[in-house]
Amino acid sequence: MMLGQIVQVRATPVQWAFDFGNGTHATSSGPGVKYAGKITRNPPHKVPGAIWNVYRHKGTYRISQTITYSAEYRVNLGPLQPVTGTLTRAGQGVDMEVRAYTALLVDEDY
């Protein structure tokens, strides 16, 4: 409640930005998909919703994600109204160690 009024706010994620720590970045309108836990014949860029990156060297990389939200509000259960602008929140990131890599021969569409 605010000044005797019921105020509701709804935030919706609209963009995910990924920093892979090796100078590459990606943005998406979704958070990605859960790793299936198995080897797949599909290259990562051909798996719908996959967020992927190629590391060409061993080392420790700081990976982070930033999410941008849009918002709507309403007062006393009235119609939802858009909030002007967006809010962006950066995650803390996590260090990932790349210990080995494998060169693969792939078809020319890869």
C-alpha atoms as a PDB file:
ATOM      1  CA  MET A   1       0.000   0.000   0.000  1.00  0.00           C
ATOM      2  CA  MET A   2       1.138   3.489  -0.812  1.00  0.00           C
ATOM      3  CA  LEU A   3      -0.694   6.542   0.526  1.00  0.00           C
ATOM      4  CA  GLY A   4      -3.736   4.369   1.211  1.00  0.00           C
ATOM      5  CA  GLN A   5      -3.796   2.971  -2.343  1.00  0.00           C
ATOM      6  CA  ILE A   6      -3.069  -0.586  -3.479  1.00  0.00           C
ATOM      7  CA  VAL A   7      -0.160  -0.370  -5.933  1.00  0.00           C
ATOM      8  CA  GLN A   8       1.054  -3.402  -7.879  1.00  0.00           C
ATOM      9  CA  VAL A   9       4.160  -3.545 -10.069  1.00  0.00           C
ATOM     10  CA  ARG A  10       5.040  -6.309 -12.521  1.00  0.00           C
ATOM     11  CA  ALA A  11       8.594  -6.560 -13.894  1.00  0.00           C
ATOM     12  CA  THR A  12       9.210  -8.717 -16.971  1.00  0.00           C
ATOM     13  CA  PRO A  13      12.643  -9.720 -18.273  1.00  0.00           C
ATOM     14  CA  VAL A  14      12.986  -8.597 -21.906  1.00  0.00           C
ATOM     15  CA  GLN A  15      16.673  -9.104 -22.705  1.00  0.00           C
ATOM     16  CA  TRP A  16      19.561 -11.234 -21.488  1.00  0.00           C
ATOM     17  CA  ALA A  17      23.142 -10.168 -22.241  1.00  0.00           C
ATOM     18  CA  PHE A  18      26.005 -12.598 -21.747  1.00  0.00           C
ATOM     19  CA  ASP A  19      29.696 -11.747 -21.363  1.00  0.00           C
ATOM     20  CA  PHE A  20      31.768 -14.883 -21.855  1.00  0.00           C
ATOM     21  CA  GLY A  21      34.965 -13.373 -20.443  1.00  0.00           C
ATOM     22  CA  ASN A  22      37.020 -13.865 -23.601  1.00  0.00           C
ATOM     23  CA  GLY A  23      35.949 -10.724 -25.449  1.00  0.00           C
ATOM     24  CA  THR A  24      32.781 -12.239 -26.892  1.00  0.00           C
ATOM     25  CA  HIS A  25      29.214 -11.311 -26.003  1.00  0.00           C
ATOM     26  CA  ALA A  26      25.715 -12.456 -26.904  1.00  0.00           C
ATOM     27  CA  THR A  27      22.227 -11.083 -26.371  1.00  0.00           C
ATOM     28  CA  SER A  28      18.963 -12.973 -26.386  1.00  0.00           C
ATOM     29  CA  SER A  29      15.260 -12.399 -25.816  1.00  0.00           C
ATOM     30  CA  GLY A  30      15.264 -15.513 -23.588  1.00  0.00           C
ATOM     31  CA  PRO A  31      17.481 -16.959 -20.854  1.00  0.00           C
ATOM     32  CA  GLY A  32      18.673 -19.935 -22.903  1.00  0.00           C
ATOM     33  CA  VAL A  33      17.803 -23.599 -22.534  1.00  0.00           C
ATOM     34  CA  LYS A  34      18.822 -26.160 -19.951  1.00  0.00           C
ATOM     35  CA  TYR A  35      21.768 -28.357 -20.926  1.00  0.00           C
ATOM     36  CA  ALA A  36      20.377 -31.746 -21.901  1.00  0.00           C
ATOM     37  CA  GLY A  37      23.233 -33.556 -20.159  1.00  0.00           C
ATOM     38  CA  LYS A  38      24.149 -35.610 -23.206  1.00  0.00           C
ATOM     39  CA  ILE A  39      26.251 -35.336 -26.311  1.00  0.00           C
ATOM     40  CA  THR A  40      24.236 -34.114 -29.246  1.00  0.00           C
ATOM     41  CA  ARG A  41      25.007 -34.163 -32.936  1.00  0.00           C
ATOM     42  CA  ASN A  42      23.577 -30.660 -33.289  1.00  0.00           C
ATOM     43  CA  PRO A  43      26.161 -27.884 -33.173  1.00  0.00           C
ATOM     44  CA  PRO A  44      25.201 -25.524 -30.302  1.00  0.00           C
ATOM     45  CA  HIS A  45      24.131 -22.724 -32.640  1.00  0.00           C
ATOM     46  CA  LYS A  46      21.539 -25.063 -34.179  1.00  0.00           C
ATOM     47  CA  VAL A  47      19.859 -25.969 -30.872  1.00  0.00           C
ATOM     48  CA  PRO A  48      16.813 -23.662 -30.479  1.00  0.00           C
ATOM     49  CA  GLY A  49      17.308 -21.266 -27.571  1.00  0.00           C
ATOM     50  CA  ALA A  50      20.923 -22.292 -26.901  1.00  0.00           C
ATOM     51  CA  ILE A  51      23.368 -19.679 -25.632  1.00  0.00           C
ATOM     52  CA  TRP A  52      26.860 -20.803 -26.536  1.00  0.00           C
ATOM     53  CA  ASN A  53      30.456 -19.733 -26.909  1.00  0.00           C
ATOM     54  CA  VAL A  54      33.718 -21.214 -28.158  1.00  0.00           C
ATOM     55  CA  TYR A  55      36.847 -20.938 -26.012  1.00  0.00           C
ATOM     56  CA  ARG A  56      40.009 -21.340 -28.093  1.00  0.00           C
ATOM     57  CA  HIS A  57      42.510 -21.347 -25.219  1.00  0.00           C
ATOM     58  CA  LYS A  58      42.839 -22.844 -21.756  1.00  0.00           C
ATOM     59  CA  GLY A  59      42.485 -20.387 -18.888  1.00  0.00           C
ATOM     60  CA  THR A  60      40.113 -18.854 -16.357  1.00  0.00           C
ATOM     61  CA  TYR A  61      37.299 -16.738 -17.734  1.00  0.00           C
ATOM     62  CA  ARG A  62      34.862 -14.512 -15.797  1.00  0.00           C
ATOM     63  CA  ILE A  63      31.373 -15.146 -17.174  1.00  0.00           C
ATOM     64  CA  SER A  64      28.531 -12.773 -16.386  1.00  0.00           C
ATOM     65  CA  GLN A  65      24.950 -12.071 -17.317  1.00  0.00           C
ATOM     66  CA  THR A  66      22.958  -8.839 -17.368  1.00  0.00           C
ATOM     67  CA  ILE A  67      19.158  -8.840 -17.510  1.00  0.00           C
ATOM     68  CA  THR A  68      17.011  -5.944 -18.698  1.00  0.00           C
ATOM     69  CA  TYR A  69      13.425  -5.628 -17.421  1.00  0.00           C
ATOM     70  CA  SER A  70      10.395  -3.681 -18.532  1.00  0.00           C
ATOM     71  CA  ALA A  71       7.656  -2.919 -15.999  1.00  0.00           C
ATOM     72  CA  GLU A  72       3.955  -2.205 -15.642  1.00  0.00           C
ATOM     73  CA  TYR A  73       1.993  -0.933 -12.667  1.00  0.00           C
ATOM     74  CA  ARG A  74      -1.601  -0.523 -11.553  1.00  0.00           C
ATOM     75  CA  VAL A  75      -3.386   1.266  -8.741  1.00  0.00           C
ATOM     76  CA  ASN A  76      -6.389  -0.208  -6.879  1.00  0.00           C
ATOM     77  CA  LEU A  77      -6.649  -3.158  -9.316  1.00  0.00           C
ATOM     78  CA  GLY A  78      -7.109  -0.801 -12.275  1.00  0.00           C
ATOM     79  CA  PRO A  79      -5.678  -1.457 -15.736  1.00  0.00           C
ATOM     80  CA  LEU A  80      -1.953  -2.076 -16.113  1.00  0.00           C
ATOM     81  CA  GLN A  81       0.039   0.953 -17.264  1.00  0.00           C
ATOM     82  CA  PRO A  82       3.557   0.772 -18.724  1.00  0.00           C
ATOM     83  CA  VAL A  83       6.471   2.217 -16.782  1.00  0.00           C
ATOM     84  CA  THR A  84       8.628   4.412 -19.017  1.00  0.00           C
ATOM     85  CA  GLY A  85      12.128   3.011 -19.606  1.00  0.00           C
ATOM     86  CA  THR A  86      13.766  -0.205 -18.486  1.00  0.00           C
ATOM     87  CA  LEU A  87      15.832  -1.458 -15.551  1.00  0.00           C
ATOM     88  CA  THR A  88      19.082  -3.334 -16.113  1.00  0.00           C
ATOM     89  CA  ARG A  89      20.675  -5.507 -13.428  1.00  0.00           C
ATOM     90  CA  ALA A  90      24.112  -7.089 -13.760  1.00  0.00           C
ATOM     91  CA  GLY A  91      24.910 -10.385 -12.074  1.00  0.00           C
ATOM     92  CA  GLN A  92      28.102 -10.884 -10.072  1.00  0.00           C
ATOM     93  CA  GLY A  93      29.577 -13.300 -12.574  1.00  0.00           C
ATOM     94  CA  VAL A  94      31.431 -16.505 -11.954  1.00  0.00           C
ATOM     95  CA  ASP A  95      34.927 -17.700 -12.823  1.00  0.00           C
ATOM     96  CA  MET A  96      35.068 -20.711 -15.134  1.00  0.00           C
ATOM     97  CA  GLU A  97      38.236 -22.635 -15.840  1.00  0.00           C
ATOM     98  CA  VAL A  98      38.690 -24.050 -19.329  1.00  0.00           C
ATOM     99  CA  ARG A  99      41.096 -26.949 -18.869  1.00  0.00           C
ATOM    100  CA  ALA A 100      41.075 -28.554 -22.274  1.00  0.00           C
ATOM    101  CA  TYR A 101      39.638 -28.044 -25.678  1.00  0.00           C
ATOM    102  CA  THR A 102      39.190 -30.290 -28.673  1.00  0.00           C
ATOM    103  CA  ALA A 103      39.481 -29.346 -32.312  1.00  0.00           C
ATOM    104  CA  LEU A 104      36.537 -30.700 -34.269  1.00  0.00           C
ATOM    105  CA  LEU A 105      36.026 -31.133 -37.972  1.00  0.00           C
ATOM    106  CA  VAL A 106      32.557 -29.850 -38.758  1.00  0.00           C
ATOM    107  CA  ASP A 107      30.500 -29.412 -41.883  1.00  0.00           C
ATOM    108  CA  GLU A 108      30.748 -26.138 -43.760  1.00  0.00           C
ATOM    109  CA  ASP A 109      27.492 -24.717 -42.283  1.00  0.00           C
ATOM    110  CA  TYR A 110      29.010 -24.716 -38.806  1.00  0.00           C
END
